[in-house]
């Protein structure tokens, strides 16, 4: 049975909920403007210049889940401090960085790994996503494996999925961190090209800090990509996340 006739009723209920929540006085835009002002002050207090926050979706709708940008050249400690300062503000939801790296998740709810994570792990137990030597360019032979990974991740759409890059301990740790981050970001980009929403993917690199149990840190097998479901957003739309009537 079609549910389309119910959409006006649902939209009306959401509008009524928004009116009740904000007392009919403040629009979504006004609410987001207040969050934006508070966020600007929090970023300044956290020594986060030149970071800015955008409280709108890709379609231009107001949202309480800000995207931070301008912090690409900040060290990880400052980025972490800025994101946590913003996430701690009343009314702010999960905080993301425009480059897709993991940061403070605000009010997101941790979840147990979903079956899609097990499916991806099973794929990667038998095969490895390979890169060109000392590069973040995915080897052509690994493209079909990425197709399978994207298909396995589809059941997790709506969740936050971490893509973590690892290296072995050869070379300097600074170089290992840079390479692991670049490779995780490359995998994120490849999955987005395969239809996985960018806003659900977080990329991070940890260098050689987490070798596989039982292996020497120098073992090449430590060069790997791992996936994990880290959080899920509430399914109930909030007034500020839901577009108003046209």
Protein backbone atom coordinates (compact mmCIF):
# COMPACT_ATOMS: atom_id res chain seq x y z
CA UNK A 1 0.00 0.00 0.00
CA UNK A 2 1.35 3.41 -0.94
CA UNK A 3 2.28 5.73 1.91
CA UNK A 4 2.47 8.87 -0.20
CA UNK A 5 -1.00 10.17 0.87
CA UNK A 6 0.30 10.26 4.44
CA UNK A 7 3.14 12.65 3.62
CA UNK A 8 1.10 15.87 4.07
CA UNK A 9 -0.03 14.58 7.46
CA UNK A 10 3.56 13.83 8.49
CA UNK A 11 4.72 17.22 7.25
CA UNK A 12 1.92 18.89 9.19
CA UNK A 13 2.90 17.03 12.34
CA UNK A 14 6.52 18.13 11.95
CA UNK A 15 5.50 21.74 11.45
CA UNK A 16 3.27 21.54 14.51
CA UNK A 17 6.14 20.02 16.48
CA UNK A 18 8.43 22.82 15.42
CA UNK A 19 5.85 25.41 16.45
CA UNK A 20 5.51 23.80 19.84
CA UNK A 21 9.23 23.51 20.37
CA UNK A 22 10.08 27.08 19.48
CA UNK A 23 6.88 28.68 20.77
CA UNK A 24 5.99 29.86 17.28
CA UNK A 25 8.47 32.72 17.65
CA UNK A 26 11.76 31.44 16.24
CA UNK A 27 12.24 29.99 12.78
CA UNK A 28 14.74 27.26 11.96
CA UNK A 29 17.00 29.90 10.45
CA UNK A 30 16.91 31.97 13.63
CA UNK A 31 17.69 28.93 15.74
CA UNK A 32 20.63 28.01 13.53
CA UNK A 33 21.82 31.64 13.55
CA UNK A 34 21.99 31.49 17.35
CA UNK A 35 23.92 28.23 17.18
CA UNK A 36 26.25 29.77 14.62
CA UNK A 37 26.98 32.77 16.85
CA UNK A 38 27.66 30.52 19.85
CA UNK A 39 29.87 28.29 17.70
CA UNK A 40 31.93 31.22 16.46
CA UNK A 41 32.62 32.20 20.08
CA UNK A 42 33.46 28.59 21.06
CA UNK A 43 35.91 28.26 18.15
CA UNK A 44 37.65 31.50 19.14
CA UNK A 45 37.88 30.39 22.78
CA UNK A 46 39.39 27.08 21.66
CA UNK A 47 42.03 28.95 19.62
CA UNK A 48 40.55 27.48 16.46
CA UNK A 49 41.00 30.32 13.96
CA UNK A 50 40.57 30.10 10.96
CA UNK A 51 37.99 27.30 11.47
CA UNK A 52 34.41 28.11 10.46
CA UNK A 53 31.19 26.14 10.90
CA UNK A 54 28.42 25.66 8.33
CA UNK A 55 24.96 24.87 9.70
CA UNK A 56 23.33 23.83 6.44
CA UNK A 57 23.02 20.65 4.42
CA UNK A 58 24.23 20.19 0.88
CA UNK A 59 20.73 21.20 -0.25
CA UNK A 60 20.84 24.39 1.79
CA UNK A 61 18.50 23.28 4.58
CA UNK A 62 19.35 24.44 8.12
CA UNK A 63 20.73 21.72 10.39
CA UNK A 64 22.08 21.51 13.92
CA UNK A 65 24.88 19.18 12.75
CA UNK A 66 27.65 21.61 11.70
CA UNK A 67 30.44 20.93 9.24
CA UNK A 68 33.76 22.47 10.23
CA UNK A 69 36.26 23.68 7.64
CA UNK A 70 39.45 25.71 7.52
CA UNK A 71 41.34 23.55 10.00
CA UNK A 72 43.31 21.48 7.51
CA UNK A 73 46.61 22.98 8.65
CA UNK A 74 45.93 22.81 12.38
CA UNK A 75 47.57 20.09 14.45
CA UNK A 76 45.39 17.21 15.60
CA UNK A 77 45.27 18.43 19.21
CA UNK A 78 43.78 21.79 18.22
CA UNK A 79 41.35 20.19 15.76
CA UNK A 80 40.17 17.84 18.48
CA UNK A 81 39.79 20.69 20.97
CA UNK A 82 37.82 22.82 18.51
CA UNK A 83 35.46 20.02 17.49
CA UNK A 84 34.77 19.05 21.09
CA UNK A 85 34.13 22.67 22.07
CA UNK A 86 31.54 22.98 19.29
CA UNK A 87 29.94 19.59 20.03
CA UNK A 88 29.52 20.57 23.70
CA UNK A 89 27.29 23.55 22.87
CA UNK A 90 23.60 23.07 23.80
CA UNK A 91 21.57 22.29 20.69
CA UNK A 92 24.51 21.19 18.53
CA UNK A 93 24.38 17.66 17.13
CA UNK A 94 27.23 15.62 15.70
CA UNK A 95 30.21 17.62 14.45
CA UNK A 96 31.96 16.72 11.20
CA UNK A 97 35.02 18.07 9.39
CA UNK A 98 34.68 18.94 5.73
CA UNK A 99 37.64 16.67 4.92
CA UNK A 100 35.75 13.72 6.42
CA UNK A 101 38.09 12.94 9.29
CA UNK A 102 36.76 11.64 12.58
CA UNK A 103 36.09 14.20 15.28
CA UNK A 104 33.72 14.88 18.18
CA UNK A 105 30.41 13.19 17.57
CA UNK A 106 28.28 15.29 19.91
CA UNK A 107 24.98 13.58 20.61
CA UNK A 108 25.52 10.58 18.36
CA UNK A 109 24.79 7.25 19.96
CA UNK A 110 27.45 4.49 19.97
CA UNK A 111 26.22 1.20 18.51
CA UNK A 112 27.43 -2.36 18.37
CA UNK A 113 28.99 -3.40 15.06
CA UNK A 114 26.33 -4.11 12.44
CA UNK A 115 26.37 -7.17 10.24
CA UNK A 116 27.70 -5.12 7.33
CA UNK A 117 30.91 -4.53 9.27
CA UNK A 118 31.27 -8.31 9.68
CA UNK A 119 30.67 -8.72 5.94
CA UNK A 120 33.40 -6.21 5.12
CA UNK A 121 35.80 -7.84 7.57
CA UNK A 122 35.14 -11.21 5.94
CA UNK A 123 36.03 -9.74 2.53
CA UNK A 124 39.27 -8.25 3.85
CA UNK A 125 40.33 -11.40 5.70
CA UNK A 126 40.87 -13.14 2.38
CA UNK A 127 42.05 -10.16 0.32
CA UNK A 128 43.77 -6.82 0.90
CA UNK A 129 43.10 -3.40 -0.55
CA UNK A 130 46.46 -2.65 -2.13
CA UNK A 131 48.06 0.65 -3.08
CA UNK A 132 50.86 1.62 -5.39
CA UNK A 133 54.18 1.57 -3.54
CA UNK A 134 54.58 4.44 -1.03
CA UNK A 135 51.45 6.01 -2.52
CA UNK A 136 47.76 6.57 -1.73
CA UNK A 137 46.75 5.53 -5.25
CA UNK A 138 44.65 2.35 -5.08
CA UNK A 139 46.10 -0.48 -7.15
CA UNK A 140 43.97 -1.29 -10.19
CA UNK A 141 43.69 -4.92 -9.08
CA UNK A 142 41.88 -3.80 -5.91
CA UNK A 143 39.07 -1.96 -7.71
CA UNK A 144 36.77 -5.02 -7.84
CA UNK A 145 37.32 -5.55 -4.11
CA UNK A 146 36.25 -1.96 -3.46
CA UNK A 147 33.06 -2.69 -5.44
CA UNK A 148 32.34 -5.57 -3.04
CA UNK A 149 33.15 -3.46 0.02
CA UNK A 150 30.73 -0.76 -1.14
CA UNK A 151 27.99 -3.36 -1.64
CA UNK A 152 28.64 -4.78 1.85
CA UNK A 153 28.45 -1.31 3.42
CA UNK A 154 25.08 -0.48 1.88
CA UNK A 155 23.09 -1.99 4.80
CA UNK A 156 24.86 0.47 7.12
CA UNK A 157 23.70 3.61 5.32
CA UNK A 158 22.70 6.17 7.94
CA UNK A 159 25.45 5.09 10.32
CA UNK A 160 28.86 6.65 10.80
CA UNK A 161 31.53 4.34 9.36
CA UNK A 162 35.20 4.80 10.23
CA UNK A 163 37.85 4.02 7.61
CA UNK A 164 41.17 3.58 9.36
CA UNK A 165 44.50 3.41 7.58
CA UNK A 166 47.44 1.51 9.09
CA UNK A 167 51.09 1.14 8.09
CA UNK A 168 54.00 -0.97 9.25
CA UNK A 169 56.79 0.59 11.33
CA UNK A 170 59.27 1.08 8.49
CA UNK A 171 60.17 4.71 7.93
CA UNK A 172 59.43 7.66 10.21
CA UNK A 173 56.20 7.72 12.15
CA UNK A 174 55.37 11.18 10.79
CA UNK A 175 55.55 9.85 7.24
CA UNK A 176 53.58 6.75 8.27
CA UNK A 177 50.80 8.91 9.73
CA UNK A 178 50.60 11.04 6.61
CA UNK A 179 50.51 8.00 4.34
CA UNK A 180 47.90 6.16 6.42
CA UNK A 181 45.64 9.23 6.43
CA UNK A 182 46.05 9.74 2.70
CA UNK A 183 45.18 6.10 2.01
CA UNK A 184 42.11 6.19 4.26
CA UNK A 185 40.97 9.36 2.49
CA UNK A 186 41.51 7.71 -0.89
CA UNK A 187 39.30 4.78 0.14
CA UNK A 188 36.63 7.20 1.38
CA UNK A 189 36.71 8.97 -1.99
CA UNK A 190 36.48 5.65 -3.85
CA UNK A 191 33.46 4.55 -1.81
CA UNK A 192 31.70 7.88 -2.39
CA UNK A 193 32.23 7.32 -6.12
CA UNK A 194 30.47 3.98 -5.63
CA UNK A 195 27.39 5.53 -4.09
CA UNK A 196 28.16 5.50 -0.36
CA UNK A 197 27.11 8.91 1.08
CA UNK A 198 30.13 11.02 1.99
CA UNK A 199 28.55 12.30 5.20
CA UNK A 200 28.51 8.76 6.61
CA UNK A 201 32.22 8.06 6.06
CA UNK A 202 35.03 9.17 8.35
CA UNK A 203 38.69 8.70 7.40
CA UNK A 204 41.61 8.56 9.80
CA UNK A 205 45.18 7.32 9.76
CA UNK A 206 46.99 5.90 12.76
CA UNK A 207 50.35 5.10 11.19
CA UNK A 208 52.07 2.09 12.74
CA UNK A 209 50.61 2.57 16.23
CA UNK A 210 48.27 -0.46 16.03
CA UNK A 211 50.02 -3.51 14.55
CA UNK A 212 48.11 -6.75 14.13
CA UNK A 213 48.28 -8.93 17.22
CA UNK A 214 51.13 -11.42 16.97
CA UNK A 215 52.95 -9.60 14.17
CA UNK A 216 56.14 -7.60 14.33
CA UNK A 217 55.47 -3.87 13.86
CA UNK A 218 57.73 -4.02 10.79
CA UNK A 219 55.69 -6.78 9.13
CA UNK A 220 54.26 -5.56 5.79
CA UNK A 221 50.95 -7.26 6.67
CA UNK A 222 50.30 -4.34 9.01
CA UNK A 223 49.70 -2.14 5.94
CA UNK A 224 45.94 -2.33 5.87
CA UNK A 225 42.57 -0.57 5.83
CA UNK A 226 39.97 -1.35 8.50
CA UNK A 227 36.28 -0.44 8.68
CA UNK A 228 34.09 -0.06 11.76
CA UNK A 229 30.61 1.23 12.54
CA UNK A 230 31.21 3.92 15.16
CA UNK A 231 27.87 5.67 15.65
CA UNK A 232 24.38 6.16 14.36
CA UNK A 233 22.25 9.28 14.29
CA UNK A 234 18.72 9.30 15.75
CA UNK A 235 16.15 8.31 13.15
CA UNK A 236 13.53 10.81 14.38
CA UNK A 237 13.78 14.11 12.47
CA UNK A 238 14.03 17.23 14.58
CA UNK A 239 12.34 20.48 13.50
CA UNK A 240 15.60 22.15 12.56
CA UNK A 241 16.74 19.13 10.52
CA UNK A 242 13.48 18.92 8.58
CA UNK A 243 12.78 21.30 5.69
CA UNK A 244 9.68 23.43 6.10
CA UNK A 245 6.80 23.45 3.60
CA UNK A 246 7.40 25.11 0.26
